[in-house]
PDB file of all heavy atoms in Angstrom:
ATOM      1  N   GLU A   1      12.621 152.383  83.429  1.00  0.00           N
ATOM      2  CA  GLU A   1      11.459 151.630  83.767  1.00  0.00           C
ATOM      3  C   GLU A   1      10.170 152.343  83.252  1.00  0.00           C
ATOM      4  O   GLU A   1       9.234 151.599  82.806  1.00  0.00           O
ATOM      5  CB  GLU A   1      11.430 151.443  85.279  1.00  0.00           C
ATOM      6  CG  GLU A   1      12.463 150.450  85.795  1.00  0.00           C
ATOM      7  CD  GLU A   1      12.546 150.459  87.321  1.00  0.00           C
ATOM      8  OE1 GLU A   1      12.005 151.408  87.909  1.00  0.00           O
ATOM      9  OE2 GLU A   1      13.056 149.547  87.869  1.00  0.00           O
ATOM     10  N   ARG A   2      10.126 153.594  83.399  1.00  0.00           N
ATOM     11  CA  ARG A   2       8.959 154.325  82.974  1.00  0.00           C
ATOM     12  C   ARG A   2       8.788 154.184  81.424  1.00  0.00           C
ATOM     13  O   ARG A   2       7.676 154.012  81.006  1.00  0.00           O
ATOM     14  CB  ARG A   2       9.115 155.789  83.360  1.00  0.00           C
ATOM     15  CG  ARG A   2       7.863 156.651  83.104  1.00  0.00           C
ATOM     16  CD  ARG A   2       8.040 158.057  83.590  1.00  0.00           C
ATOM     17  NE  ARG A   2       6.838 158.826  83.498  1.00  0.00           N
ATOM     18  CZ  ARG A   2       6.662 160.107  83.678  1.00  0.00           C
ATOM     19  NH1 ARG A   2       7.752 160.809  84.029  1.00  0.00           N
ATOM     20  NH2 ARG A   2       5.484 160.678  83.559  1.00  0.00           N
ATOM     21  N   ALA A   3       9.934 154.299  80.762  1.00  0.00           N
ATOM     22  CA  ALA A   3       9.843 154.126  79.274  1.00  0.00           C
ATOM     23  C   ALA A   3       9.387 152.727  78.864  1.00  0.00           C
ATOM     24  O   ALA A   3       8.546 152.572  77.960  1.00  0.00           O
ATOM     25  CB  ALA A   3      11.221 154.464  78.623  1.00  0.00           C
ATOM     26  N   PHE A   4       9.919 151.772  79.571  1.00  0.00           N
ATOM     27  CA  PHE A   4       9.495 150.387  79.307  1.00  0.00           C
ATOM     28  C   PHE A   4       8.026 150.161  79.573  1.00  0.00           C
ATOM     29  O   PHE A   4       7.299 149.479  78.879  1.00  0.00           O
ATOM     30  CB  PHE A   4      10.301 149.327  80.117  1.00  0.00           C
ATOM     31  CG  PHE A   4      11.632 148.968  79.518  1.00  0.00           C
ATOM     32  CD1 PHE A   4      12.279 149.878  78.663  1.00  0.00           C
ATOM     33  CD2 PHE A   4      12.153 147.750  79.798  1.00  0.00           C
ATOM     34  CE1 PHE A   4      13.470 149.459  78.074  1.00  0.00           C
ATOM     35  CE2 PHE A   4      13.420 147.338  79.224  1.00  0.00           C
ATOM     36  CZ  PHE A   4      14.100 148.260  78.370  1.00  0.00           C
ATOM     37  N   LEU A   5       7.449 150.718  80.682  1.00  0.00           N
ATOM     38  CA  LEU A   5       6.120 150.709  81.043  1.00  0.00           C
ATOM     39  C   LEU A   5       5.217 151.249  79.931  1.00  0.00           C
ATOM     40  O   LEU A   5       4.198 150.598  79.438  1.00  0.00           O
ATOM     41  CB  LEU A   5       5.822 151.258  82.332  1.00  0.00           C
ATOM     42  CG  LEU A   5       6.299 150.471  83.602  1.00  0.00           C
ATOM     43  CD1 LEU A   5       6.178 151.389  84.850  1.00  0.00           C
ATOM     44  CD2 LEU A   5       5.632 149.188  83.731  1.00  0.00           C
ATOM     45  N   LEU A   6       5.639 152.463  79.440  1.00  0.00           N
ATOM     46  CA  LEU A   6       4.779 153.129  78.466  1.00  0.00           C
ATOM     47  C   LEU A   6       4.820 152.398  77.119  1.00  0.00           C
ATOM     48  O   LEU A   6       3.747 152.134  76.505  1.00  0.00           O
ATOM     49  CB  LEU A   6       5.314 154.531  78.206  1.00  0.00           C
ATOM     50  CG  LEU A   6       5.049 155.496  79.359  1.00  0.00           C
ATOM     51  CD1 LEU A   6       5.793 156.833  79.227  1.00  0.00           C
ATOM     52  CD2 LEU A   6       3.576 155.786  79.602  1.00  0.00           C
ATOM     53  N   ILE A   7       5.992 151.996  76.691  1.00  0.00           N
ATOM     54  CA  ILE A   7       6.138 151.293  75.363  1.00  0.00           C
ATOM     55  C   ILE A   7       5.425 149.914  75.491  1.00  0.00           C
ATOM     56  O   ILE A   7       4.743 149.431  74.591  1.00  0.00           O
ATOM     57  CB  ILE A   7       7.612 151.144  74.968  1.00  0.00           C
ATOM     58  CG1 ILE A   7       8.248 152.508  74.727  1.00  0.00           C
ATOM     59  CG2 ILE A   7       7.709 150.287  73.681  1.00  0.00           C
ATOM     60  CD1 ILE A   7       9.722 152.507  74.615  1.00  0.00           C
ATOM     61  N   GLY A   8       5.691 149.178  76.600  1.00  0.00           N
ATOM     62  CA  GLY A   8       5.118 147.885  76.765  1.00  0.00           C
ATOM     63  C   GLY A   8       3.566 147.966  76.862  1.00  0.00           C
ATOM     64  O   GLY A   8       2.917 147.109  76.240  1.00  0.00           O
ATOM     65  N   GLY A   9       3.075 149.002  77.475  1.00  0.00           N
ATOM     66  CA  GLY A   9       1.693 149.158  77.590  1.00  0.00           C
ATOM     67  C   GLY A   9       1.014 149.446  76.229  1.00  0.00           C
ATOM     68  O   GLY A   9      -0.029 148.876  75.822  1.00  0.00           O
ATOM     69  N   LEU A  10       1.651 150.260  75.394  1.00  0.00           N
ATOM     70  CA  LEU A  10       1.126 150.560  74.093  1.00  0.00           C
ATOM     71  C   LEU A  10       1.173 149.315  73.135  1.00  0.00           C
ATOM     72  O   LEU A  10       0.172 149.073  72.439  1.00  0.00           O
ATOM     73  CB  LEU A  10       1.998 151.656  73.452  1.00  0.00           C
ATOM     74  CG  LEU A  10       1.800 153.079  73.923  1.00  0.00           C
ATOM     75  CD1 LEU A  10       2.878 153.990  73.366  1.00  0.00           C
ATOM     76  CD2 LEU A  10       0.395 153.538  73.518  1.00  0.00           C
ATOM     77  N   THR A  11       2.178 148.501  73.176  1.00  0.00           N
ATOM     78  CA  THR A  11       2.308 147.316  72.398  1.00  0.00           C
ATOM     79  C   THR A  11       1.281 146.220  72.774  1.00  0.00           C
ATOM     80  O   THR A  11       0.862 145.511  71.982  1.00  0.00           O
ATOM     81  CB  THR A  11       3.699 146.789  72.335  1.00  0.00           C
ATOM     82  OG1 THR A  11       4.107 146.599  73.726  1.00  0.00           O
ATOM     83  CG2 THR A  11       4.694 147.748  71.738  1.00  0.00           C
ATOM     84  N   LEU A  12       0.951 146.285  74.080  1.00  0.00           N
ATOM     85  CA  LEU A  12      -0.077 145.258  74.561  1.00  0.00           C
ATOM     86  C   LEU A  12      -1.479 145.722  74.103  1.00  0.00           C
ATOM     87  O   LEU A  12      -2.362 144.847  73.867  1.00  0.00           O
ATOM     88  CB  LEU A  12       0.023 145.104  76.017  1.00  0.00           C
ATOM     89  CG  LEU A  12       1.191 144.213  76.531  1.00  0.00           C
ATOM     90  CD1 LEU A  12       1.303 144.227  78.035  1.00  0.00           C
ATOM     91  CD2 LEU A  12       0.927 142.737  76.072  1.00  0.00           C
ATOM     92  N   ILE A  13      -1.763 147.028  74.106  1.00  0.00           N
ATOM     93  CA  ILE A  13      -3.083 147.486  73.721  1.00  0.00           C
ATOM     94  C   ILE A  13      -3.308 147.164  72.229  1.00  0.00           C
ATOM     95  O   ILE A  13      -4.456 146.796  71.814  1.00  0.00           O
ATOM     96  CB  ILE A  13      -3.254 148.971  74.011  1.00  0.00           C
ATOM     97  CG1 ILE A  13      -3.263 149.251  75.500  1.00  0.00           C
ATOM     98  CG2 ILE A  13      -4.539 149.499  73.399  1.00  0.00           C
ATOM     99  CD1 ILE A  13      -3.385 150.675  75.879  1.00  0.00           C
ATOM    100  N   TYR A  14      -2.246 147.324  71.444  1.00  0.00           N
ATOM    101  CA  TYR A  14      -2.422 147.040  69.987  1.00  0.00           C
ATOM    102  C   TYR A  14      -2.390 145.469  69.844  1.00  0.00           C
ATOM    103  O   TYR A  14      -1.396 144.835  70.076  1.00  0.00           O
ATOM    104  CB  TYR A  14      -1.241 147.625  69.250  1.00  0.00           C
ATOM    105  CG  TYR A  14      -1.369 147.452  67.708  1.00  0.00           C
ATOM    106  CD1 TYR A  14      -2.038 148.354  66.979  1.00  0.00           C
ATOM    107  CD2 TYR A  14      -0.867 146.302  67.127  1.00  0.00           C
ATOM    108  CE1 TYR A  14      -2.223 148.179  65.606  1.00  0.00           C
ATOM    109  CE2 TYR A  14      -0.967 146.095  65.828  1.00  0.00           C
ATOM    110  CZ  TYR A  14      -1.641 147.023  64.973  1.00  0.00           C
ATOM    111  OH  TYR A  14      -1.721 146.816  63.681  1.00  0.00           O
ATOM    112  N   PRO A  15      -3.562 144.874  69.372  1.00  0.00           N
ATOM    113  CA  PRO A  15      -3.636 143.459  69.321  1.00  0.00           C
ATOM    114  C   PRO A  15      -2.692 142.863  68.149  1.00  0.00           C
ATOM    115  O   PRO A  15      -2.637 143.430  67.153  1.00  0.00           O
ATOM    116  CB  PRO A  15      -5.074 143.133  68.923  1.00  0.00           C
ATOM    117  CG  PRO A  15      -5.795 144.419  69.366  1.00  0.00           C
ATOM    118  CD  PRO A  15      -4.807 145.509  69.093  1.00  0.00           C
ATOM    119  N   GLY A  16      -2.022 141.835  68.557  1.00  0.00           N
ATOM    120  CA  GLY A  16      -1.074 141.161  67.550  1.00  0.00           C
ATOM    121  C   GLY A  16       0.010 140.373  68.314  1.00  0.00           C
ATOM    122  O   GLY A  16       0.420 140.807  69.402  1.00  0.00           O
ATOM    123  N   LEU A  17       0.395 139.208  67.867  1.00  0.00           N
ATOM    124  CA  LEU A  17       1.199 138.291  68.594  1.00  0.00           C
ATOM    125  C   LEU A  17       2.588 138.951  68.839  1.00  0.00           C
ATOM    126  O   LEU A  17       3.137 138.926  69.962  1.00  0.00           O
ATOM    127  CB  LEU A  17       1.413 137.006  67.795  1.00  0.00           C
ATOM    128  CG  LEU A  17       2.297 135.977  68.483  1.00  0.00           C
ATOM    129  CD1 LEU A  17       1.776 135.567  69.808  1.00  0.00           C
ATOM    130  CD2 LEU A  17       2.424 134.742  67.622  1.00  0.00           C
ATOM    131  N   SER A  18       3.181 139.491  67.782  1.00  0.00           N
ATOM    132  CA  SER A  18       4.553 140.155  67.939  1.00  0.00           C
ATOM    133  C   SER A  18       4.542 141.327  68.918  1.00  0.00           C
ATOM    134  O   SER A  18       5.441 141.317  69.798  1.00  0.00           O
ATOM    135  CB  SER A  18       5.060 140.576  66.606  1.00  0.00           C
ATOM    136  OG  SER A  18       4.159 141.562  66.019  1.00  0.00           O
ATOM    137  N   THR A  19       3.505 142.171  68.836  1.00  0.00           N
ATOM    138  CA  THR A  19       3.466 143.205  69.819  1.00  0.00           C
ATOM    139  C   THR A  19       3.179 142.786  71.217  1.00  0.00           C
ATOM    140  O   THR A  19       3.681 143.390  72.176  1.00  0.00           O
ATOM    141  CB  THR A  19       2.373 144.273  69.319  1.00  0.00           C
ATOM    142  OG1 THR A  19       1.108 143.668  69.166  1.00  0.00           O
ATOM    143  CG2 THR A  19       2.754 145.037  68.039  1.00  0.00           C
ATOM    144  N   ASP A  20       2.391 141.757  71.334  1.00  0.00           N
ATOM    145  CA  ASP A  20       2.104 141.182  72.660  1.00  0.00           C
ATOM    146  C   ASP A  20       3.378 140.572  73.324  1.00  0.00           C
ATOM    147  O   ASP A  20       3.535 140.871  74.525  1.00  0.00           O
ATOM    148  CB  ASP A  20       1.024 140.096  72.562  1.00  0.00           C
ATOM    149  CG  ASP A  20      -0.380 140.632  72.217  1.00  0.00           C
ATOM    150  OD1 ASP A  20      -0.564 141.897  72.388  1.00  0.00           O
ATOM    151  OD2 ASP A  20      -1.263 139.883  71.848  1.00  0.00           O
ATOM    152  N   ILE A  21       4.103 139.914  72.536  1.00  0.00           N
ATOM    153  CA  ILE A  21       5.344 139.345  73.057  1.00  0.00           C
ATOM    154  C   ILE A  21       6.267 140.469  73.554  1.00  0.00           C
ATOM    155  O   ILE A  21       6.924 140.386  74.613  1.00  0.00           O
ATOM    156  CB  ILE A  21       6.088 138.494  71.971  1.00  0.00           C
ATOM    157  CG1 ILE A  21       5.223 137.221  71.722  1.00  0.00           C
ATOM    158  CG2 ILE A  21       7.435 138.117  72.437  1.00  0.00           C
ATOM    159  CD1 ILE A  21       5.732 136.401  70.541  1.00  0.00           C
ATOM    160  N   ILE A  22       6.419 141.517  72.748  1.00  0.00           N
ATOM    161  CA  ILE A  22       7.310 142.644  73.112  1.00  0.00           C
ATOM    162  C   ILE A  22       6.810 143.272  74.338  1.00  0.00           C
ATOM    163  O   ILE A  22       7.515 143.586  75.321  1.00  0.00           O
ATOM    164  CB  ILE A  22       7.333 143.724  71.985  1.00  0.00           C
ATOM    165  CG1 ILE A  22       8.059 143.086  70.793  1.00  0.00           C
ATOM    166  CG2 ILE A  22       8.057 144.942  72.443  1.00  0.00           C
ATOM    167  CD1 ILE A  22       7.963 144.006  69.539  1.00  0.00           C
ATOM    168  N   GLY A  23       5.457 143.556  74.484  1.00  0.00           N
ATOM    169  CA  GLY A  23       4.865 144.158  75.618  1.00  0.00           C
ATOM    170  C   GLY A  23       5.021 143.392  76.934  1.00  0.00           C
ATOM    171  O   GLY A  23       5.374 143.950  77.908  1.00  0.00           O
ATOM    172  N   PHE A  24       4.753 142.121  76.765  1.00  0.00           N
ATOM    173  CA  PHE A  24       4.904 141.242  77.935  1.00  0.00           C
ATOM    174  C   PHE A  24       6.321 141.205  78.416  1.00  0.00           C
ATOM    175  O   PHE A  24       6.605 141.263  79.647  1.00  0.00           O
ATOM    176  CB  PHE A  24       4.424 139.807  77.727  1.00  0.00           C
ATOM    177  CG  PHE A  24       2.933 139.605  77.796  1.00  0.00           C
ATOM    178  CD1 PHE A  24       2.202 139.124  76.755  1.00  0.00           C
ATOM    179  CD2 PHE A  24       2.212 139.875  78.955  1.00  0.00           C
ATOM    180  CE1 PHE A  24       0.804 138.910  76.874  1.00  0.00           C
ATOM    181  CE2 PHE A  24       0.867 139.760  79.137  1.00  0.00           C
ATOM    182  CZ  PHE A  24       0.158 139.270  78.048  1.00  0.00           C
ATOM    183  N   GLY A  25       7.262 141.235  77.499  1.00  0.00           N
ATOM    184  CA  GLY A  25       8.668 141.150  77.873  1.00  0.00           C
ATOM    185  C   GLY A  25       9.088 142.409  78.596  1.00  0.00           C
ATOM    186  O   GLY A  25       9.823 142.308  79.642  1.00  0.00           O
ATOM    187  N   LEU A  26       8.639 143.532  78.072  1.00  0.00           N
ATOM    188  CA  LEU A  26       9.040 144.857  78.713  1.00  0.00           C
ATOM    189  C   LEU A  26       8.471 145.027  80.080  1.00  0.00           C
ATOM    190  O   LEU A  26       9.114 145.368  81.082  1.00  0.00           O
ATOM    191  CB  LEU A  26       8.608 146.047  77.819  1.00  0.00           C
ATOM    192  CG  LEU A  26       9.363 146.138  76.483  1.00  0.00           C
ATOM    193  CD1 LEU A  26       8.716 147.255  75.580  1.00  0.00           C
ATOM    194  CD2 LEU A  26      10.795 146.425  76.647  1.00  0.00           C
ATOM    195  N   LEU A  27       7.155 144.640  80.192  1.00  0.00           N
ATOM    196  CA  LEU A  27       6.488 144.791  81.519  1.00  0.00           C
ATOM    197  C   LEU A  27       6.996 143.786  82.473  1.00  0.00           C
ATOM    198  O   LEU A  27       7.185 144.127  83.748  1.00  0.00           O
ATOM    199  CB  LEU A  27       4.913 144.597  81.379  1.00  0.00           C
ATOM    200  CG  LEU A  27       4.132 145.934  81.299  1.00  0.00           C
ATOM    201  CD1 LEU A  27       4.569 146.763  80.075  1.00  0.00           C
ATOM    202  CD2 LEU A  27       2.660 145.666  81.242  1.00  0.00           C
ATOM    203  N   PHE A  28       7.336 142.520  82.037  1.00  0.00           N
ATOM    204  CA  PHE A  28       7.839 141.568  82.978  1.00  0.00           C
ATOM    205  C   PHE A  28       9.235 141.995  83.507  1.00  0.00           C
ATOM    206  O   PHE A  28       9.493 141.785  84.704  1.00  0.00           O
ATOM    207  CB  PHE A  28       7.971 140.242  82.151  1.00  0.00           C
ATOM    208  CG  PHE A  28       8.512 139.087  83.063  1.00  0.00           C
ATOM    209  CD1 PHE A  28       7.693 138.440  83.995  1.00  0.00           C
ATOM    210  CD2 PHE A  28       9.844 138.681  82.872  1.00  0.00           C
ATOM    211  CE1 PHE A  28       8.215 137.452  84.732  1.00  0.00           C
ATOM    212  CE2 PHE A  28      10.358 137.603  83.694  1.00  0.00           C
ATOM    213  CZ  PHE A  28       9.541 137.020  84.617  1.00  0.00           C
ATOM    214  N   SER A  29      10.056 142.500  82.643  1.00  0.00           N
ATOM    215  CA  SER A  29      11.391 142.953  83.092  1.00  0.00           C
ATOM    216  C   SER A  29      11.265 144.012  84.171  1.00  0.00           C
ATOM    217  O   SER A  29      11.965 144.062  85.142  1.00  0.00           O
ATOM    218  CB  SER A  29      12.208 143.513  81.889  1.00  0.00           C
ATOM    219  OG  SER A  29      11.607 144.530  81.334  1.00  0.00           O
ATOM    220  N   VAL A  30      10.363 145.004  83.986  1.00  0.00           N
ATOM    221  CA  VAL A  30      10.194 146.031  84.900  1.00  0.00           C
ATOM    222  C   VAL A  30       9.669 145.515  86.243  1.00  0.00           C
ATOM    223  O   VAL A  30      10.096 145.801  87.429  1.00  0.00           O
ATOM    224  CB  VAL A  30       9.236 147.076  84.415  1.00  0.00           C
ATOM    225  CG1 VAL A  30       8.939 148.147  85.509  1.00  0.00           C
ATOM    226  CG2 VAL A  30       9.796 147.863  83.218  1.00  0.00           C
ATOM    227  N   GLY A  31       8.641 144.512  86.127  1.00  0.00           N
ATOM    228  CA  GLY A  31       8.101 143.929  87.360  1.00  0.00           C
ATOM    229  C   GLY A  31       9.113 143.173  88.130  1.00  0.00           C
ATOM    230  O   GLY A  31       9.114 143.286  89.420  1.00  0.00           O
ATOM    231  N   VAL A  32      10.015 142.435  87.475  1.00  0.00           N
ATOM    232  CA  VAL A  32      11.102 141.689  88.198  1.00  0.00           C
ATOM    233  C   VAL A  32      11.997 142.671  88.940  1.00  0.00           C
ATOM    234  O   VAL A  32      12.321 142.476  90.137  1.00  0.00           O
ATOM    235  CB  VAL A  32      11.846 140.767  87.209  1.00  0.00           C
ATOM    236  CG1 VAL A  32      13.097 140.235  87.870  1.00  0.00           C
ATOM    237  CG2 VAL A  32      10.931 139.657  86.744  1.00  0.00           C
ATOM    238  N   VAL A  33      12.467 143.648  88.234  1.00  0.00           N
ATOM    239  CA  VAL A  33      13.357 144.654  88.872  1.00  0.00           C
ATOM    240  C   VAL A  33      12.781 145.321  90.013  1.00  0.00           C
ATOM    241  O   VAL A  33      13.365 145.527  91.055  1.00  0.00           O
ATOM    242  CB  VAL A  33      13.805 145.678  87.812  1.00  0.00           C
ATOM    243  CG1 VAL A  33      14.634 146.773  88.449  1.00  0.00           C
ATOM    244  CG2 VAL A  33      14.678 145.037  86.681  1.00  0.00           C
ATOM    245  N   GLN A  34      11.499 145.718  89.859  1.00  0.00           N
ATOM    246  CA  GLN A  34      10.716 146.369  90.987  1.00  0.00           C
ATOM    247  C   GLN A  34      10.583 145.476  92.195  1.00  0.00           C
ATOM    248  O   GLN A  34      10.692 145.869  93.327  1.00  0.00           O
ATOM    249  CB  GLN A  34       9.460 146.932  90.513  1.00  0.00           C
ATOM    250  CG  GLN A  34       9.545 148.116  89.527  1.00  0.00           C
ATOM    251  CD  GLN A  34       8.887 149.253  89.983  1.00  0.00           C
ATOM    252  OE1 GLN A  34       7.707 149.275  90.464  1.00  0.00           O
ATOM    253  NE2 GLN A  34       9.506 150.456  89.793  1.00  0.00           N
ATOM    254  N   MET A  35      10.266 144.136  91.995  1.00  0.00           N
ATOM    255  CA  MET A  35      10.110 143.205  93.048  1.00  0.00           C
ATOM    256  C   MET A  35      11.450 143.031  93.834  1.00  0.00           C
ATOM    257  O   MET A  35      11.455 143.020  95.088  1.00  0.00           O
ATOM    258  CB  MET A  35       9.641 141.875  92.503  1.00  0.00           C
ATOM    259  CG  MET A  35       8.223 141.800  92.049  1.00  0.00           C
ATOM    260  SD  MET A  35       7.701 140.293  91.415  1.00  0.00           S
ATOM    261  CE  MET A  35       7.868 139.208  92.838  1.00  0.00           C
ATOM    262  N   LEU A  36      12.577 143.034  93.085  1.00  0.00           N
ATOM    263  CA  LEU A  36      13.807 142.905  93.737  1.00  0.00           C
ATOM    264  C   LEU A  36      14.200 144.126  94.553  1.00  0.00           C
ATOM    265  O   LEU A  36      14.636 144.052  95.686  1.00  0.00           O
ATOM    266  CB  LEU A  36      14.963 142.623  92.672  1.00  0.00           C
ATOM    267  CG  LEU A  36      14.866 141.227  91.972  1.00  0.00           C
ATOM    268  CD1 LEU A  36      15.889 141.224  90.912  1.00  0.00           C
ATOM    269  CD2 LEU A  36      15.082 140.117  93.017  1.00  0.00           C
ATOM    270  N   ARG A  37      13.872 145.226  94.006  1.00  0.00           N
ATOM    271  CA  ARG A  37      14.171 146.536  94.674  1.00  0.00           C
ATOM    272  C   ARG A  37      13.245 146.645  95.927  1.00  0.00           C
ATOM    273  O   ARG A  37      13.732 147.117  96.940  1.00  0.00           O
ATOM    274  CB  ARG A  37      13.893 147.705  93.741  1.00  0.00           C
ATOM    275  CG  ARG A  37      14.244 149.055  94.394  1.00  0.00           C
ATOM    276  CD  ARG A  37      13.820 150.230  93.561  1.00  0.00           C
ATOM    277  NE  ARG A  37      14.400 150.091  92.179  1.00  0.00           N
ATOM    278  CZ  ARG A  37      13.844 150.509  91.069  1.00  0.00           C
ATOM    279  NH1 ARG A  37      12.734 151.182  91.139  1.00  0.00           N
ATOM    280  NH2 ARG A  37      14.385 150.303  89.835  1.00  0.00           N
ATOM    281  N   ARG A  38      12.078 146.232  95.846  1.00  0.00           N
ATOM    282  CA  ARG A  38      11.103 146.260  96.957  1.00  0.00           C
ATOM    283  C   ARG A  38      11.490 145.355  98.090  1.00  0.00           C
ATOM    284  O   ARG A  38      11.284 145.700  99.218  1.00  0.00           O
ATOM    285  CB  ARG A  38       9.712 145.944  96.434  1.00  0.00           C
ATOM    286  CG  ARG A  38       8.629 146.675  97.218  1.00  0.00           C
ATOM    287  CD  ARG A  38       7.296 146.438  96.575  1.00  0.00           C
ATOM    288  NE  ARG A  38       6.328 146.419  97.754  1.00  0.00           N
ATOM    289  CZ  ARG A  38       5.030 146.286  97.609  1.00  0.00           C
ATOM    290  NH1 ARG A  38       4.525 146.116  96.464  1.00  0.00           N
ATOM    291  NH2 ARG A  38       4.253 146.264  98.585  1.00  0.00           N
ATOM    292  N   ARG A  39      12.056 144.207  97.791  1.00  0.00           N
ATOM    293  CA  ARG A  39      12.580 143.372  98.850  1.00  0.00           C
ATOM    294  C   ARG A  39      13.657 143.919  99.606  1.00  0.00           C
ATOM    295  O   ARG A  39      13.859 143.686 100.808  1.00  0.00           O
ATOM    296  CB  ARG A  39      13.022 142.029  98.192  1.00  0.00           C
ATOM    297  CG  ARG A  39      11.861 141.096  97.728  1.00  0.00           C
ATOM    298  CD  ARG A  39      12.365 139.825  97.202  1.00  0.00           C
ATOM    299  NE  ARG A  39      11.288 139.034  96.717  1.00  0.00           N
ATOM    300  CZ  ARG A  39      11.385 137.778  96.192  1.00  0.00           C
ATOM    301  NH1 ARG A  39      12.623 137.285  95.922  1.00  0.00           N
ATOM    302  NH2 ARG A  39      10.352 137.056  95.780  1.00  0.00           N
ATOM    303  N   ARG A  40      14.475 144.710  98.885  1.00  0.00           N
ATOM    304  CA  ARG A  40      15.608 145.342  99.545  1.00  0.00           C
ATOM    305  C   ARG A  40      15.169 146.500 100.406  1.00  0.00           C
ATOM    306  O   ARG A  40      15.723 146.837 101.415  1.00  0.00           O
ATOM    307  CB  ARG A  40      16.698 145.802  98.501  1.00  0.00           C
ATOM    308  CG  ARG A  40      17.365 144.665  97.805  1.00  0.00           C
ATOM    309  CD  ARG A  40      18.648 145.214  97.052  1.00  0.00           C
ATOM    310  NE  ARG A  40      18.261 146.112  96.003  1.00  0.00           N
ATOM    311  CZ  ARG A  40      18.059 145.805  94.736  1.00  0.00           C
ATOM    312  NH1 ARG A  40      18.170 144.573  94.374  1.00  0.00           N
ATOM    313  NH2 ARG A  40      17.790 146.709  93.822  1.00  0.00           N
ATOM    314  N   ALA A  41      14.137 147.139  99.953  1.00  0.00           N
ATOM    315  CA  ALA A  41      13.584 148.328 100.700  1.00  0.00           C
ATOM    316  C   ALA A  41      12.038 148.262 100.736  1.00  0.00           C
ATOM    317  O   ALA A  41      11.400 148.900  99.905  1.00  0.00           O
ATOM    318  CB  ALA A  41      14.086 149.660 100.014  1.00  0.00           C
ATOM    319  N   PRO A  42      11.513 147.527 101.666  1.00  0.00           N
ATOM    320  CA  PRO A  42       9.998 147.302 101.761  1.00  0.00           C
ATOM    321  C   PRO A  42       9.321 148.631 101.796  1.00  0.00           C
ATOM    322  O   PRO A  42       9.677 149.534 102.551  1.00  0.00           O
ATOM    323  CB  PRO A  42       9.821 146.463 102.979  1.00  0.00           C
ATOM    324  CG  PRO A  42      11.153 145.813 103.231  1.00  0.00           C
ATOM    325  CD  PRO A  42      12.224 146.825 102.731  1.00  0.00           C
ATOM    326  N   ILE A  43       8.123 148.732 101.079  1.00  0.00           N
ATOM    327  CA  ILE A  43       7.310 149.888 101.126  1.00  0.00           C
ATOM    328  C   ILE A  43       5.943 149.456 101.370  1.00  0.00           C
ATOM    329  O   ILE A  43       5.420 148.528 100.727  1.00  0.00           O
ATOM    330  CB  ILE A  43       7.371 150.652  99.713  1.00  0.00           C
ATOM    331  CG1 ILE A  43       8.796 151.107  99.502  1.00  0.00           C
ATOM    332  CG2 ILE A  43       6.395 151.770  99.720  1.00  0.00           C
ATOM    333  CD1 ILE A  43       8.976 151.735  98.149  1.00  0.00           C
TER     334      ILE A  43
END
């Protein structure tokens, strides 16, 4: 998840449609996984 966040963040900072799609995809996947985990163990 940490790797996805770093790579996704970098690709989103670099302007461009292809990099934006990759970045959004990586961050979205981490966000979904974290939301599911948080529902199981509220913090």
